[in-house]
Amino acid sequence: MFTGIVEELGEVVAKEELADAARFTVRGPVVTSDASHGDSIAVNGVCLTVVEVLADGSFTADVMQETLNRSSLQKIDVGSRVNLERAAALNSRLGGHLVQGHVDGTGHIISRSPSENWEVVRIALPDAISRYVVEKGSITVDGVSLTVSALGGERGEEYFEISLIPTTLQLTTLGAASVGTPVNLEVDVIAKYVERLQAAGR
């Protein structure tokens, strides 16, 4: 479980293509400072298991084809910057919202509208998860816990907007993501449970 508060910007330093998977090596001295084999680290919002911690502050993680197909990790390569967060501890503050690290779908950045003190980013919203997204609700974009500031569009071409403060622009990959960049999306898990329970009660 995570909170969507990015701890550091890491960098992919190696990527090994396997038959039905990939092995990534990611440099992140903050998240590896107390990491060990089997720990969970979110990479752009995808929960990955640490295979090995290296002496240079990097860690390796295996990503199966299922995860590559469902997330934007298939698009990243050596040199890519990634958002990193360690799993939350039970005694830590919940600064964002409950994030599982289970990507529900991918969108892409449609537009960016900068202003003096923040920037509004519009992101395409896949049909399969649009019903779970509400204005002023929480959503995770590439592992960053954010508030939906607006919704719009028509069925098949829906979008949502997020408003990014300077800190988020500086300390996460969202600051440099250009129009067209794919992003991982995770909706609030509570909405999915409510839907499931309602369906079961019919």
N, C-alpha and C. Protein backbone atom coordinates (compact mmCIF):
# COMPACT_ATOMS: atom_id res chain seq x y z
N MET A 1 0.84 -1.19 0.00
CA MET A 1 0.00 0.00 0.00
C MET A 1 0.88 1.25 0.00
N PHE A 2 0.46 2.28 -0.75
CA PHE A 2 1.21 3.52 -0.88
C PHE A 2 0.28 4.70 -0.59
N THR A 3 0.85 5.90 -0.62
CA THR A 3 0.03 7.08 -0.36
C THR A 3 0.02 8.05 -1.54
N GLY A 4 0.82 7.79 -2.56
CA GLY A 4 0.86 8.69 -3.71
C GLY A 4 1.69 9.93 -3.48
N ILE A 5 2.54 9.91 -2.46
CA ILE A 5 3.47 11.02 -2.21
C ILE A 5 4.85 10.57 -2.68
N VAL A 6 5.27 11.09 -3.82
CA VAL A 6 6.53 10.67 -4.44
C VAL A 6 7.71 11.08 -3.55
N GLU A 7 8.62 10.13 -3.32
CA GLU A 7 9.77 10.40 -2.46
C GLU A 7 10.98 10.92 -3.24
N GLU A 8 11.12 10.46 -4.47
CA GLU A 8 12.23 10.95 -5.28
C GLU A 8 12.02 10.63 -6.75
N LEU A 9 12.72 11.38 -7.59
CA LEU A 9 12.78 11.09 -9.01
C LEU A 9 13.94 10.14 -9.25
N GLY A 10 13.63 8.95 -9.70
CA GLY A 10 14.67 7.98 -10.00
C GLY A 10 14.99 7.97 -11.48
N GLU A 11 15.91 7.10 -11.85
CA GLU A 11 16.30 6.98 -13.25
C GLU A 11 16.50 5.52 -13.61
N VAL A 12 15.95 5.12 -14.74
CA VAL A 12 16.17 3.76 -15.24
C VAL A 12 17.58 3.69 -15.81
N VAL A 13 18.41 2.82 -15.24
CA VAL A 13 19.80 2.72 -15.68
C VAL A 13 20.07 1.47 -16.50
N ALA A 14 19.12 0.53 -16.50
CA ALA A 14 19.27 -0.67 -17.33
C ALA A 14 17.90 -1.29 -17.54
N LYS A 15 17.72 -1.91 -18.71
CA LYS A 15 16.48 -2.61 -19.03
C LYS A 15 16.83 -3.85 -19.84
N GLU A 16 16.48 -5.00 -19.29
CA GLU A 16 16.76 -6.26 -19.97
C GLU A 16 15.45 -6.85 -20.48
N GLU A 17 15.35 -7.00 -21.80
CA GLU A 17 14.16 -7.57 -22.42
C GLU A 17 14.22 -9.09 -22.30
N LEU A 18 13.18 -9.68 -21.73
CA LEU A 18 13.08 -11.13 -21.61
C LEU A 18 11.95 -11.62 -22.51
N ALA A 19 11.77 -12.93 -22.57
CA ALA A 19 10.78 -13.50 -23.49
C ALA A 19 9.37 -12.98 -23.22
N ASP A 20 8.96 -12.95 -21.96
CA ASP A 20 7.62 -12.50 -21.62
C ASP A 20 7.63 -11.56 -20.42
N ALA A 21 8.71 -10.82 -20.31
CA ALA A 21 8.88 -9.91 -19.17
C ALA A 21 10.04 -8.95 -19.46
N ALA A 22 10.33 -8.12 -18.48
CA ALA A 22 11.49 -7.24 -18.56
C ALA A 22 12.05 -7.07 -17.17
N ARG A 23 13.35 -6.89 -17.08
CA ARG A 23 13.99 -6.61 -15.79
C ARG A 23 14.56 -5.20 -15.85
N PHE A 24 14.09 -4.37 -14.92
CA PHE A 24 14.54 -2.99 -14.84
C PHE A 24 15.53 -2.82 -13.70
N THR A 25 16.51 -1.97 -13.92
CA THR A 25 17.38 -1.51 -12.84
C THR A 25 17.15 -0.02 -12.72
N VAL A 26 16.76 0.41 -11.53
CA VAL A 26 16.37 1.80 -11.30
C VAL A 26 17.22 2.39 -10.19
N ARG A 27 17.81 3.54 -10.45
CA ARG A 27 18.59 4.22 -9.41
C ARG A 27 17.68 5.10 -8.58
N GLY A 28 17.74 4.89 -7.27
CA GLY A 28 16.95 5.69 -6.33
C GLY A 28 17.52 5.56 -4.95
N PRO A 29 18.52 6.37 -4.60
CA PRO A 29 19.21 6.22 -3.32
C PRO A 29 18.32 6.43 -2.10
N VAL A 30 17.27 7.23 -2.23
CA VAL A 30 16.38 7.45 -1.09
C VAL A 30 15.56 6.19 -0.81
N VAL A 31 14.90 5.66 -1.85
CA VAL A 31 14.02 4.51 -1.62
C VAL A 31 14.78 3.22 -1.37
N THR A 32 16.05 3.18 -1.75
CA THR A 32 16.84 1.97 -1.49
C THR A 32 17.63 2.05 -0.18
N SER A 33 17.54 3.18 0.51
CA SER A 33 18.35 3.36 1.73
C SER A 33 18.03 2.32 2.80
N ASP A 34 16.79 1.84 2.82
CA ASP A 34 16.42 0.81 3.79
C ASP A 34 15.71 -0.36 3.12
N ALA A 35 15.90 -0.50 1.81
CA ALA A 35 15.20 -1.54 1.06
C ALA A 35 15.97 -2.86 1.10
N SER A 36 15.23 -3.94 0.92
CA SER A 36 15.85 -5.26 0.84
C SER A 36 15.01 -6.12 -0.09
N HIS A 37 15.53 -7.29 -0.40
CA HIS A 37 14.85 -8.22 -1.30
C HIS A 37 13.42 -8.48 -0.83
N GLY A 38 12.46 -8.35 -1.76
CA GLY A 38 11.06 -8.62 -1.43
C GLY A 38 10.26 -7.40 -1.06
N ASP A 39 10.91 -6.27 -0.83
CA ASP A 39 10.18 -5.05 -0.50
C ASP A 39 9.44 -4.52 -1.74
N SER A 40 8.43 -3.68 -1.49
CA SER A 40 7.66 -3.09 -2.57
C SER A 40 8.06 -1.63 -2.78
N ILE A 41 8.27 -1.27 -4.04
CA ILE A 41 8.53 0.12 -4.42
C ILE A 41 7.64 0.44 -5.62
N ALA A 42 6.94 1.56 -5.55
CA ALA A 42 6.10 1.99 -6.66
C ALA A 42 6.97 2.76 -7.66
N VAL A 43 6.91 2.33 -8.92
CA VAL A 43 7.63 2.99 -10.01
C VAL A 43 6.59 3.54 -10.97
N ASN A 44 6.48 4.85 -11.03
CA ASN A 44 5.42 5.50 -11.81
C ASN A 44 4.05 4.93 -11.47
N GLY A 45 3.86 4.64 -10.20
CA GLY A 45 2.57 4.17 -9.73
C GLY A 45 2.35 2.68 -9.84
N VAL A 46 3.34 1.93 -10.31
CA VAL A 46 3.22 0.47 -10.43
C VAL A 46 3.99 -0.18 -9.29
N CYS A 47 3.31 -0.98 -8.50
CA CYS A 47 3.96 -1.67 -7.39
C CYS A 47 4.86 -2.77 -7.92
N LEU A 48 6.17 -2.65 -7.67
CA LEU A 48 7.13 -3.65 -8.10
C LEU A 48 7.85 -4.23 -6.88
N THR A 49 8.28 -5.47 -7.02
CA THR A 49 8.99 -6.15 -5.94
C THR A 49 10.49 -6.06 -6.17
N VAL A 50 11.21 -5.65 -5.15
CA VAL A 50 12.66 -5.54 -5.23
C VAL A 50 13.28 -6.93 -5.32
N VAL A 51 14.05 -7.15 -6.37
CA VAL A 51 14.78 -8.42 -6.52
C VAL A 51 16.15 -8.32 -5.87
N GLU A 52 16.82 -7.20 -6.11
CA GLU A 52 18.16 -7.00 -5.57
C GLU A 52 18.41 -5.52 -5.35
N VAL A 53 19.09 -5.21 -4.26
CA VAL A 53 19.53 -3.83 -3.99
C VAL A 53 21.02 -3.77 -4.27
N LEU A 54 21.43 -2.82 -5.10
CA LEU A 54 22.82 -2.71 -5.51
C LEU A 54 23.54 -1.63 -4.70
N ALA A 55 24.86 -1.70 -4.70
CA ALA A 55 25.67 -0.81 -3.87
C ALA A 55 25.58 0.65 -4.30
N ASP A 56 25.23 0.90 -5.56
CA ASP A 56 25.20 2.28 -6.05
C ASP A 56 23.86 2.98 -5.83
N GLY A 57 23.00 2.37 -5.00
CA GLY A 57 21.70 2.99 -4.73
C GLY A 57 20.66 2.64 -5.77
N SER A 58 20.88 1.57 -6.51
CA SER A 58 19.92 1.10 -7.50
C SER A 58 19.25 -0.19 -7.00
N PHE A 59 18.13 -0.53 -7.62
CA PHE A 59 17.48 -1.80 -7.33
C PHE A 59 16.99 -2.40 -8.64
N THR A 60 16.85 -3.71 -8.65
CA THR A 60 16.31 -4.39 -9.83
C THR A 60 14.92 -4.92 -9.51
N ALA A 61 14.08 -4.97 -10.54
CA ALA A 61 12.72 -5.47 -10.39
C ALA A 61 12.28 -6.12 -11.69
N ASP A 62 11.59 -7.23 -11.56
CA ASP A 62 11.06 -7.93 -12.73
C ASP A 62 9.63 -7.43 -13.01
N VAL A 63 9.34 -7.19 -14.28
CA VAL A 63 8.02 -6.72 -14.69
C VAL A 63 7.47 -7.71 -15.71
N MET A 64 6.39 -8.42 -15.34
CA MET A 64 5.84 -9.42 -16.24
C MET A 64 5.07 -8.77 -17.38
N GLN A 65 4.79 -9.55 -18.43
CA GLN A 65 4.14 -9.03 -19.63
C GLN A 65 2.79 -8.41 -19.32
N GLU A 66 2.05 -9.01 -18.39
CA GLU A 66 0.74 -8.47 -17.99
C GLU A 66 0.87 -7.02 -17.54
N THR A 67 1.87 -6.75 -16.72
CA THR A 67 2.08 -5.39 -16.22
C THR A 67 2.54 -4.46 -17.33
N LEU A 68 3.40 -4.95 -18.20
CA LEU A 68 3.85 -4.13 -19.33
C LEU A 68 2.67 -3.77 -20.23
N ASN A 69 1.76 -4.72 -20.44
CA ASN A 69 0.61 -4.48 -21.31
C ASN A 69 -0.36 -3.46 -20.72
N ARG A 70 -0.46 -3.44 -19.41
CA ARG A 70 -1.47 -2.61 -18.75
C ARG A 70 -0.95 -1.27 -18.25
N SER A 71 0.33 -1.02 -18.41
CA SER A 71 0.90 0.22 -17.87
C SER A 71 1.82 0.88 -18.90
N SER A 72 2.27 2.06 -18.55
CA SER A 72 3.18 2.79 -19.43
C SER A 72 4.63 2.34 -19.25
N LEU A 73 4.88 1.36 -18.39
CA LEU A 73 6.26 0.90 -18.20
C LEU A 73 6.85 0.32 -19.47
N GLN A 74 6.00 -0.16 -20.37
CA GLN A 74 6.51 -0.67 -21.64
C GLN A 74 7.16 0.42 -22.49
N LYS A 75 6.84 1.69 -22.18
CA LYS A 75 7.35 2.81 -22.97
C LYS A 75 8.65 3.39 -22.41
N ILE A 76 8.99 3.04 -21.17
CA ILE A 76 10.18 3.65 -20.58
C ILE A 76 11.42 2.85 -20.95
N ASP A 77 12.55 3.53 -20.95
CA ASP A 77 13.80 2.89 -21.36
C ASP A 77 14.94 3.47 -20.53
N VAL A 78 16.14 3.06 -20.82
CA VAL A 78 17.31 3.57 -20.10
C VAL A 78 17.35 5.09 -20.24
N GLY A 79 17.53 5.76 -19.12
CA GLY A 79 17.56 7.22 -19.11
C GLY A 79 16.25 7.86 -18.71
N SER A 80 15.16 7.08 -18.71
CA SER A 80 13.85 7.63 -18.32
C SER A 80 13.83 7.97 -16.84
N ARG A 81 13.24 9.10 -16.52
CA ARG A 81 13.02 9.46 -15.12
C ARG A 81 11.71 8.85 -14.65
N VAL A 82 11.67 8.40 -13.42
CA VAL A 82 10.48 7.73 -12.88
C VAL A 82 10.21 8.20 -11.46
N ASN A 83 8.92 8.23 -11.10
CA ASN A 83 8.51 8.57 -9.75
C ASN A 83 8.65 7.35 -8.85
N LEU A 84 9.27 7.53 -7.68
CA LEU A 84 9.51 6.41 -6.77
C LEU A 84 8.90 6.67 -5.40
N GLU A 85 8.30 5.62 -4.85
CA GLU A 85 7.76 5.71 -3.48
C GLU A 85 7.86 4.34 -2.82
N ARG A 86 8.37 4.32 -1.60
CA ARG A 86 8.37 3.09 -0.82
C ARG A 86 6.97 2.81 -0.29
N ALA A 87 6.70 1.54 0.03
CA ALA A 87 5.42 1.19 0.64
C ALA A 87 5.27 1.93 1.96
N ALA A 88 4.03 2.31 2.27
CA ALA A 88 3.75 3.07 3.49
C ALA A 88 3.92 2.19 4.72
N ALA A 89 4.42 2.79 5.79
CA ALA A 89 4.50 2.10 7.08
C ALA A 89 3.24 2.42 7.88
N LEU A 90 2.85 1.52 8.77
CA LEU A 90 1.61 1.71 9.53
C LEU A 90 1.66 2.93 10.44
N ASN A 91 2.86 3.37 10.80
CA ASN A 91 2.98 4.51 11.70
C ASN A 91 3.27 5.82 10.95
N SER A 92 3.14 5.80 9.61
CA SER A 92 3.43 7.01 8.85
C SER A 92 2.15 7.80 8.59
N ARG A 93 2.30 9.08 8.28
CA ARG A 93 1.15 9.93 7.95
C ARG A 93 0.65 9.57 6.55
N LEU A 94 -0.66 9.64 6.38
CA LEU A 94 -1.26 9.39 5.07
C LEU A 94 -1.41 10.73 4.36
N GLY A 95 -0.32 11.15 3.69
CA GLY A 95 -0.31 12.47 3.09
C GLY A 95 -1.16 12.59 1.85
N GLY A 96 -1.34 11.48 1.10
CA GLY A 96 -2.14 11.52 -0.11
C GLY A 96 -3.45 10.79 0.10
N HIS A 97 -3.62 9.62 -0.55
CA HIS A 97 -4.77 8.76 -0.30
C HIS A 97 -4.31 7.32 -0.46
N LEU A 98 -5.18 6.36 -0.17
CA LEU A 98 -4.80 4.96 -0.24
C LEU A 98 -4.57 4.55 -1.70
N VAL A 99 -3.34 4.16 -1.99
CA VAL A 99 -2.94 3.78 -3.35
C VAL A 99 -2.39 2.36 -3.30
N GLN A 100 -2.88 1.51 -4.19
CA GLN A 100 -2.45 0.11 -4.18
C GLN A 100 -1.25 -0.16 -5.06
N GLY A 101 -1.02 0.70 -6.04
CA GLY A 101 0.03 0.43 -7.01
C GLY A 101 -0.43 -0.54 -8.08
N HIS A 102 -1.76 -0.66 -8.24
CA HIS A 102 -2.35 -1.53 -9.25
C HIS A 102 -2.98 -0.63 -10.32
N VAL A 103 -2.33 -0.51 -11.45
CA VAL A 103 -2.78 0.41 -12.49
C VAL A 103 -4.10 -0.06 -13.10
N ASP A 104 -5.06 0.85 -13.19
CA ASP A 104 -6.37 0.53 -13.77
C ASP A 104 -6.42 0.79 -15.27
N GLY A 105 -5.54 1.63 -15.75
CA GLY A 105 -5.52 1.95 -17.17
C GLY A 105 -4.50 3.04 -17.43
N THR A 106 -4.33 3.36 -18.69
CA THR A 106 -3.42 4.45 -19.05
C THR A 106 -4.18 5.52 -19.82
N GLY A 107 -3.78 6.75 -19.61
CA GLY A 107 -4.28 7.87 -20.39
C GLY A 107 -3.09 8.54 -21.04
N HIS A 108 -3.33 9.70 -21.62
CA HIS A 108 -2.22 10.48 -22.17
C HIS A 108 -2.52 11.95 -21.97
N ILE A 109 -1.48 12.72 -21.91
CA ILE A 109 -1.65 14.16 -21.68
C ILE A 109 -2.17 14.82 -22.95
N ILE A 110 -3.29 15.52 -22.82
CA ILE A 110 -3.92 16.20 -23.95
C ILE A 110 -3.41 17.63 -24.09
N SER A 111 -3.28 18.30 -22.96
CA SER A 111 -2.83 19.70 -23.01
C SER A 111 -2.27 20.12 -21.66
N ARG A 112 -1.50 21.21 -21.69
CA ARG A 112 -0.94 21.82 -20.48
C ARG A 112 -1.23 23.31 -20.55
N SER A 113 -1.75 23.85 -19.46
CA SER A 113 -2.08 25.28 -19.42
C SER A 113 -1.40 25.91 -18.21
N PRO A 114 -0.21 26.49 -18.40
CA PRO A 114 0.50 27.08 -17.26
C PRO A 114 -0.08 28.43 -16.87
N SER A 115 -0.02 28.71 -15.58
CA SER A 115 -0.36 30.04 -15.06
C SER A 115 0.80 30.48 -14.17
N GLU A 116 0.61 31.56 -13.47
CA GLU A 116 1.73 32.12 -12.70
C GLU A 116 2.20 31.19 -11.59
N ASN A 117 1.25 30.55 -10.89
CA ASN A 117 1.63 29.77 -9.72
C ASN A 117 1.28 28.28 -9.78
N TRP A 118 0.66 27.84 -10.85
CA TRP A 118 0.36 26.42 -11.01
C TRP A 118 0.13 26.13 -12.48
N GLU A 119 -0.11 24.85 -12.77
CA GLU A 119 -0.34 24.44 -14.15
C GLU A 119 -1.48 23.44 -14.21
N VAL A 120 -2.40 23.65 -15.13
CA VAL A 120 -3.52 22.73 -15.32
C VAL A 120 -3.16 21.75 -16.43
N VAL A 121 -3.24 20.46 -16.12
CA VAL A 121 -2.91 19.41 -17.08
C VAL A 121 -4.18 18.62 -17.38
N ARG A 122 -4.50 18.49 -18.66
CA ARG A 122 -5.68 17.73 -19.09
C ARG A 122 -5.23 16.36 -19.59
N ILE A 123 -5.90 15.31 -19.11
CA ILE A 123 -5.51 13.93 -19.41
C ILE A 123 -6.70 13.15 -19.95
N ALA A 124 -6.49 12.39 -21.02
CA ALA A 124 -7.54 11.55 -21.58
C ALA A 124 -7.95 10.48 -20.57
N LEU A 125 -9.25 10.26 -20.45
CA LEU A 125 -9.79 9.33 -19.46
C LEU A 125 -10.39 8.11 -20.17
N PRO A 126 -9.81 6.94 -19.99
CA PRO A 126 -10.33 5.74 -20.66
C PRO A 126 -11.77 5.43 -20.24
N ASP A 127 -12.57 4.94 -21.19
CA ASP A 127 -13.97 4.60 -20.91
C ASP A 127 -14.10 3.63 -19.75
N ALA A 128 -13.19 2.66 -19.68
CA ALA A 128 -13.32 1.58 -18.70
C ALA A 128 -13.28 2.05 -17.25
N ILE A 129 -12.69 3.21 -17.01
CA ILE A 129 -12.57 3.68 -15.62
C ILE A 129 -13.22 5.04 -15.39
N SER A 130 -13.84 5.60 -16.40
CA SER A 130 -14.37 6.97 -16.27
C SER A 130 -15.44 7.08 -15.19
N ARG A 131 -16.21 6.00 -14.97
CA ARG A 131 -17.29 6.06 -13.98
C ARG A 131 -16.77 6.17 -12.55
N TYR A 132 -15.51 5.86 -12.33
CA TYR A 132 -14.94 5.92 -10.99
C TYR A 132 -14.32 7.29 -10.66
N VAL A 133 -14.28 8.17 -11.64
CA VAL A 133 -13.59 9.45 -11.46
C VAL A 133 -14.62 10.56 -11.27
N VAL A 134 -14.49 11.31 -10.18
CA VAL A 134 -15.42 12.39 -9.88
C VAL A 134 -14.65 13.67 -9.59
N GLU A 135 -15.28 14.78 -9.87
CA GLU A 135 -14.65 16.07 -9.58
C GLU A 135 -14.40 16.20 -8.07
N LYS A 136 -13.22 16.65 -7.72
CA LYS A 136 -12.76 16.80 -6.33
C LYS A 136 -12.45 15.46 -5.68
N GLY A 137 -12.50 14.37 -6.46
CA GLY A 137 -12.11 13.08 -5.94
C GLY A 137 -10.62 12.85 -6.14
N SER A 138 -10.12 11.74 -5.64
CA SER A 138 -8.69 11.43 -5.75
C SER A 138 -8.43 10.52 -6.94
N ILE A 139 -7.28 10.72 -7.56
CA ILE A 139 -6.80 9.85 -8.63
C ILE A 139 -5.28 9.82 -8.56
N THR A 140 -4.71 8.71 -8.95
CA THR A 140 -3.25 8.59 -8.97
C THR A 140 -2.78 8.64 -10.41
N VAL A 141 -1.88 9.56 -10.71
CA VAL A 141 -1.32 9.72 -12.05
C VAL A 141 0.18 9.48 -11.96
N ASP A 142 0.65 8.40 -12.59
CA ASP A 142 2.06 8.02 -12.52
C ASP A 142 2.57 7.98 -11.08
N GLY A 143 1.71 7.49 -10.19
CA GLY A 143 2.11 7.34 -8.80
C GLY A 143 1.93 8.56 -7.93
N VAL A 144 1.39 9.64 -8.49
CA VAL A 144 1.21 10.89 -7.74
C VAL A 144 -0.25 11.03 -7.33
N SER A 145 -0.51 11.16 -6.05
CA SER A 145 -1.86 11.37 -5.54
C SER A 145 -2.30 12.79 -5.87
N LEU A 146 -3.41 12.91 -6.63
CA LEU A 146 -3.87 14.21 -7.08
C LEU A 146 -5.38 14.33 -6.94
N THR A 147 -5.86 15.57 -6.94
CA THR A 147 -7.29 15.85 -6.88
C THR A 147 -7.79 16.21 -8.27
N VAL A 148 -8.89 15.61 -8.68
CA VAL A 148 -9.50 15.92 -9.97
C VAL A 148 -10.13 17.31 -9.87
N SER A 149 -9.64 18.25 -10.68
CA SER A 149 -10.16 19.62 -10.61
C SER A 149 -11.28 19.88 -11.61
N ALA A 150 -11.40 19.01 -12.65
CA ALA A 150 -12.48 19.18 -13.62
C ALA A 150 -12.62 17.90 -14.44
N LEU A 151 -13.84 17.71 -14.96
CA LEU A 151 -14.14 16.60 -15.86
C LEU A 151 -14.81 17.17 -17.10
N GLY A 152 -14.63 16.51 -18.25
CA GLY A 152 -15.27 17.01 -19.44
C GLY A 152 -15.20 16.01 -20.58
N GLY A 153 -15.70 16.44 -21.75
CA GLY A 153 -15.69 15.60 -22.93
C GLY A 153 -16.94 14.77 -23.06
N GLU A 154 -16.99 13.93 -24.11
CA GLU A 154 -18.11 13.05 -24.37
C GLU A 154 -17.65 11.60 -24.30
N ARG A 155 -18.60 10.69 -24.23
CA ARG A 155 -18.29 9.27 -24.15
C ARG A 155 -17.30 8.88 -25.25
N GLY A 156 -16.22 8.26 -24.87
CA GLY A 156 -15.20 7.89 -25.84
C GLY A 156 -14.11 8.93 -25.98
N GLU A 157 -14.38 10.14 -25.53
CA GLU A 157 -13.39 11.22 -25.60
C GLU A 157 -13.40 12.04 -24.32
N GLU A 158 -13.59 11.36 -23.19
CA GLU A 158 -13.64 12.05 -21.92
C GLU A 158 -12.23 12.41 -21.44
N TYR A 159 -12.19 13.38 -20.56
CA TYR A 159 -10.91 13.79 -19.98
C TYR A 159 -11.13 14.28 -18.55
N PHE A 160 -10.06 14.37 -17.82
CA PHE A 160 -10.09 15.01 -16.51
C PHE A 160 -8.91 15.96 -16.42
N GLU A 161 -9.01 16.89 -15.50
CA GLU A 161 -7.94 17.87 -15.31
C GLU A 161 -7.40 17.80 -13.90
N ILE A 162 -6.11 18.06 -13.77
CA ILE A 162 -5.46 18.16 -12.48
C ILE A 162 -4.70 19.48 -12.44
N SER A 163 -4.63 20.08 -11.28
CA SER A 163 -3.91 21.34 -11.12
C SER A 163 -2.66 21.08 -10.30
N LEU A 164 -1.50 21.36 -10.90
CA LEU A 164 -0.23 21.01 -10.28
C LEU A 164 0.46 22.24 -9.69
N ILE A 165 0.84 22.13 -8.42
CA ILE A 165 1.58 23.20 -7.76
C ILE A 165 3.06 23.10 -8.13
N PRO A 166 3.84 24.15 -7.89
CA PRO A 166 5.26 24.12 -8.24
C PRO A 166 6.02 22.93 -7.67
N THR A 167 5.72 22.52 -6.45
CA THR A 167 6.43 21.39 -5.84
C THR A 167 6.23 20.12 -6.66
N THR A 168 4.99 19.86 -7.07
CA THR A 168 4.71 18.67 -7.88
C THR A 168 5.39 18.77 -9.24
N LEU A 169 5.40 19.95 -9.82
CA LEU A 169 6.05 20.15 -11.12
C LEU A 169 7.55 19.91 -11.03
N GLN A 170 8.16 20.28 -9.90
CA GLN A 170 9.60 20.18 -9.75
C GLN A 170 10.06 18.78 -9.33
N LEU A 171 9.25 18.10 -8.52
CA LEU A 171 9.72 16.88 -7.88
C LEU A 171 9.15 15.60 -8.46
N THR A 172 8.33 15.69 -9.52
CA THR A 172 7.80 14.48 -10.15
C THR A 172 7.98 14.57 -11.67
N THR A 173 7.75 13.46 -12.33
CA THR A 173 7.88 13.42 -13.79
C THR A 173 6.80 14.24 -14.48
N LEU A 174 5.73 14.58 -13.78
CA LEU A 174 4.64 15.33 -14.40
C LEU A 174 5.07 16.73 -14.82
N GLY A 175 6.13 17.25 -14.20
CA GLY A 175 6.59 18.59 -14.56
C GLY A 175 7.14 18.67 -15.97
N ALA A 176 7.75 17.59 -16.45
CA ALA A 176 8.39 17.60 -17.77
C ALA A 176 7.63 16.79 -18.81
N ALA A 177 6.52 16.16 -18.42
CA ALA A 177 5.77 15.32 -19.36
C ALA A 177 5.11 16.16 -20.44
N SER A 178 5.38 15.85 -21.68
CA SER A 178 4.86 16.64 -22.79
C SER A 178 3.51 16.11 -23.26
N VAL A 179 2.83 16.89 -24.09
CA VAL A 179 1.56 16.47 -24.67
C VAL A 179 1.76 15.16 -25.43
N GLY A 180 0.88 14.20 -25.21
CA GLY A 180 0.99 12.89 -25.82
C GLY A 180 1.63 11.85 -24.95
N THR A 181 2.29 12.26 -23.87
CA THR A 181 2.95 11.31 -22.97
C THR A 181 1.93 10.40 -22.29
N PRO A 182 2.13 9.07 -22.34
CA PRO A 182 1.22 8.16 -21.63
C PRO A 182 1.48 8.20 -20.13
N VAL A 183 0.41 8.07 -19.35
CA VAL A 183 0.53 8.09 -17.89
C VAL A 183 -0.31 6.96 -17.31
N ASN A 184 0.18 6.41 -16.20
CA ASN A 184 -0.55 5.36 -15.49
C ASN A 184 -1.62 5.98 -14.61
N LEU A 185 -2.80 5.37 -14.60
CA LEU A 185 -3.91 5.87 -13.81
C LEU A 185 -4.41 4.79 -12.85
N GLU A 186 -4.61 5.18 -11.62
CA GLU A 186 -5.24 4.30 -10.63
C GLU A 186 -6.36 5.08 -9.95
N VAL A 187 -7.57 4.57 -10.04
CA VAL A 187 -8.70 5.25 -9.42
C VAL A 187 -8.80 4.86 -7.95
N ASP A 188 -9.65 5.56 -7.22
CA ASP A 188 -9.85 5.28 -5.79
C ASP A 188 -10.48 3.90 -5.64
N VAL A 189 -9.80 3.00 -4.95
CA VAL A 189 -10.26 1.62 -4.82
C VAL A 189 -11.62 1.53 -4.13
N ILE A 190 -11.95 2.49 -3.28
CA ILE A 190 -13.24 2.46 -2.56
C ILE A 190 -14.39 2.48 -3.54
N ALA A 191 -14.26 3.27 -4.62
CA ALA A 191 -15.33 3.35 -5.62
C ALA A 191 -15.57 1.99 -6.28
N LYS A 192 -14.51 1.25 -6.52
CA LYS A 192 -14.66 -0.07 -7.16
C LYS A 192 -15.34 -1.07 -6.22
N TYR A 193 -15.00 -1.01 -4.92
CA TYR A 193 -15.64 -1.90 -3.96
C TYR A 193 -17.13 -1.57 -3.81
N VAL A 194 -17.47 -0.30 -3.78
CA VAL A 194 -18.88 0.10 -3.66
C VAL A 194 -19.67 -0.42 -4.85
N GLU A 195 -19.12 -0.27 -6.05
CA GLU A 195 -19.80 -0.76 -7.25
C GLU A 195 -20.02 -2.27 -7.17
N ARG A 196 -19.02 -2.99 -6.75
CA ARG A 196 -19.09 -4.45 -6.66
C ARG A 196 -20.16 -4.88 -5.63
N LEU A 197 -20.18 -4.21 -4.50
CA LEU A 197 -21.14 -4.55 -3.46
C LEU A 197 -22.57 -4.24 -3.90
N GLN A 198 -22.76 -3.15 -4.60
CA GLN A 198 -24.09 -2.81 -5.09
C GLN A 198 -24.57 -3.84 -6.09
N ALA A 199 -23.67 -4.28 -6.97
CA ALA A 199 -24.04 -5.27 -7.97
C ALA A 199 -24.42 -6.60 -7.30
N ALA A 200 -23.72 -6.96 -6.24
CA ALA A 200 -23.97 -8.21 -5.54
C ALA A 200 -25.32 -8.21 -4.83
N GLY A 201 -25.79 -7.01 -4.47
CA GLY A 201 -27.03 -6.90 -3.71
C GLY A 201 -28.28 -6.83 -4.57
N ARG A 202 -28.10 -6.84 -5.88
CA ARG A 202 -29.27 -6.75 -6.76
C ARG A 202 -30.05 -8.06 -6.81
